[in-house]
Amino acid sequence: FIPILLFLSCSKHEEKTNIVKINPNDTKQQIIKKSTLVVPTKRQYEWQKNEFIAFIHFGPNTFTRREWGTGKENPKIFNPSQLDVNQWIETIKAAGMKMVMITAKHHDGFCLWATSTTPHSVKNSLWKNGKGDIMKELTSAALKNGIKVGVYLSPADLNQIEAPYGVYGNGSKPVLTKIPSGIKLQNTDKGSFEYKLDDYNKLFMNQLYELLTQYGKISEVWFDGANPKPGTGQKYNSKAWYDMIRKLQPDAVIAIAGPDVRWCGNEAGHTRKVEWSVIPFKKENKDFTKPNETEADLGSRSKLYAADALKWYPAETNTSIRSGWFYRDSLQNVKTVQTLLDTWYRSVGGNTVFLLNLTPDRRGLIPDKDANNLRKLGAIIKQSFQTNLIENAEITASSCANNNPVKYAVDNEENTCWKTEDETESAEIIINLKKSKSFNRLVLKEDILHHGQRIEEFAVDIWQNDSWREVANGTVVGYKNIRRFPTVSSSKLRIRIIKSRVAPTLSHIGLYNAPTFISNPVISRDINGTVTIKCKTPDPVIYYTTDGSKPDKNSKIYTKPFHFPNGGIVKSVSYLDNGSKQSDIIEKSFYLCQKNWSVVPESNQDGKELTKAIDNNENTVYSCKDDANNASIIISLGKKIKISGFYYLPRQDKSTKGITKSYSFAISNNGKDWKIIKNGSFSNVKNNPVIQKIMFDESVETSFIKFTSVKNIDNDNRFSIAELGLIGN
């Protein structure tokens, strides 16, 4: 829930506000009118202007190769050999990011700063003999280089659950408590606070106090909603947290499990086609609850009509540069420059802030491949938006309010905008470039600070052969909308606002000609083990390797599909124009071919449906109903083979039903007598349903395998699987 202490209704003077109450007798028209009065706070607006920010996941998990720790880790395992936060900041700055956010404490409870609240911290690590402070080094380097700082502090704390001294969920009663509680900080000039707190909330708020008072200006505080070990009975006093943050760092937004910034609804960098920042809230008891952030539609008119309040609650799109939030090894997939660029366009250009996670390795450095991709990304973005082709153009509009002429849409001033008269919900803007120019990007921004979010649908036309031709269209604009389209040439451009709320506004129009690139090769393998490599760009020359080496012009040229049944890594690169244009190097890992496998249905199992788990198609799903007897799958391999691990791919259809959390994996030579060789759990699989690769302690030979879903993420008896496969020797 989000505690809301003050509501404003629309006054006669149409006062702008961050949140507005919907009255039971409000008409649909009045509700839409109220929605245009909801605007960001100053801190929310400044946060939105960051556009592209960095997340850093670093800690014991980096050394244990886990996504979620246990809380039982020995602090001495944290010992980066070449830690260099300046390398982090240089990379972040080169990518064009404006802020860095560090996981000061992840769910394992290990603190990356010299905290006085727990022994589970850098003070008891081998790194710098316990004298180091990651938070201190990072904030110093960031602020010195003009990079803002954010802090992630996990409310969940497994160390405080597992350790003998732990207080998480100990049943203590809230009592009036002074923060800071430690003698060391009580003489600080930052002041002290009193709240009714139980033991864990006291510890947590002391940690929060240290982070907010010892390391300079903090621009974002990020609270994760994840709870790796539910059932402890621990309650969070988030109202006290928010109150202290507002007093100690008033300019900081409170994100995710907080009132200022919401989660995008996934951890894969997926974005909505329609992303509203004006979000409906429902009243439950005395508090107002936010909607389910995973829903596709959060802010349409129909959603607003059912609301008890409307609040400015913008989204933050998050994903990791690697397949995982922490660094594990060199085999982790690293997102290509083109993939990162596409996510940047969809997030920054889709009315959200893009939070990209970086994973320092066990040296304490951002890996070379990751850093190189980020530098290339930053250079491309900078080059793409260097020259606004609209400068010095003639611009006219079909409608303008008295104080909002259309010239304000192109004057590069933040506090001015073009706007139509109220109730004029559609309009046209024509831009005369005076001569033919080539372009492929259009940037639109609404004046959200003064007029909220209004535009619902628009289209872009060019003048060609004595008539208008549509080249792009879009839905909401909000802070920023970037339209990408194939390069066209014209002397005139028309922007049609097709639908808006009350009256549209535009504070900025930009027209650009971004560089074009050769598309990356796409590597795939069919059920028979045959690998195909394709490229969307016409007539490329494609090179590839299968021995792990980096492909170049001296590698094998791809001319036809090839057989690759035993798996391995295929790497490929495309060239164009005699090698002057080069794609990213793409790599794809393949495992044992499933061609000769067959499922062995147990009682009540549908063999045809079961086959979807081994059909080499991640878009099909085997899913059984709520029946504990069906929560397993047996596969005959056709012959005895040697395996060193297996993989489980959760369903990829955006449903979470039946996704396995904990599992057992067994082998057999006759399909009857089973030997369990691996038990375990998949970390964070609900929010990040990527392929889960599990390696055995040693290779084994088997003719049959059995995968059992011991527990799923919803704790019911459903079982689902997109693909189950084996990793060869």
Foldseek 3Di string as FASTA:
>chain_A
DAFDDDEDAQDPVRAAEQKHFDDPPDDLLSLLSNLQSHFADPLLVVVLVQQEAEEEEDAVCLQVVAQDDQLPDQQQSQAFAAADLLQVQVLCVLLSGQAYEYAQADQSGEGQALDPLDPRYLLRYPHVVSPDHPLQNNLVSQVVVRHAYAYEYELHHNNLVPPPVHDALVPFFFDWDKPPPDPVCCPPPLDIDIDGDGPSLNSSVNVVVCSLRPRDAHAEYEYDPDHPDPDSPGDHPVVVVVVVCCSRHVSHAYEPPHDAEHEQQFAALDHAQAFAQWFAWADDDNGTHGDRNNDNDTDDSVRSVPGRMIGRYGYEGHYEQWQHQEDRDPPTDGDALVRVLVSSQCASQVRHRYYYYFYQHSNNHGDPVNSVSSSVNSVQVCQFAVDFLLPPWDKAKPFFDPQAGCVQQAPPDLPGKTKGAFPPFKMKMKIFSVDKDKFFKKKWAFNSNRGNWKQAKKWKWAQDPNDTDTFGIGGTAYGMHMGGGPIDIHRMMMMIRPGIRGMTMTNYIGTGHGDDAFFWWDWAAALQQKIDIDGPDPDWWKFKDFPPDFDDPVGHTDDDIDHGQAWGKMWMKIADDVRPGIGTIDMDTDHHRQNPKAWDDDPPDDRVLLCQQRRRDLQRKRKDPQDQVRQKTKMFSNDKAKFFWKKFQFRDPSDQPAAAFKKWKWFAAPSPDIDTQDTDGHPPCRNSRGMDIDGGPDMDIGRMMMMGRPAGPVRTRMHMTRYMGTHHD
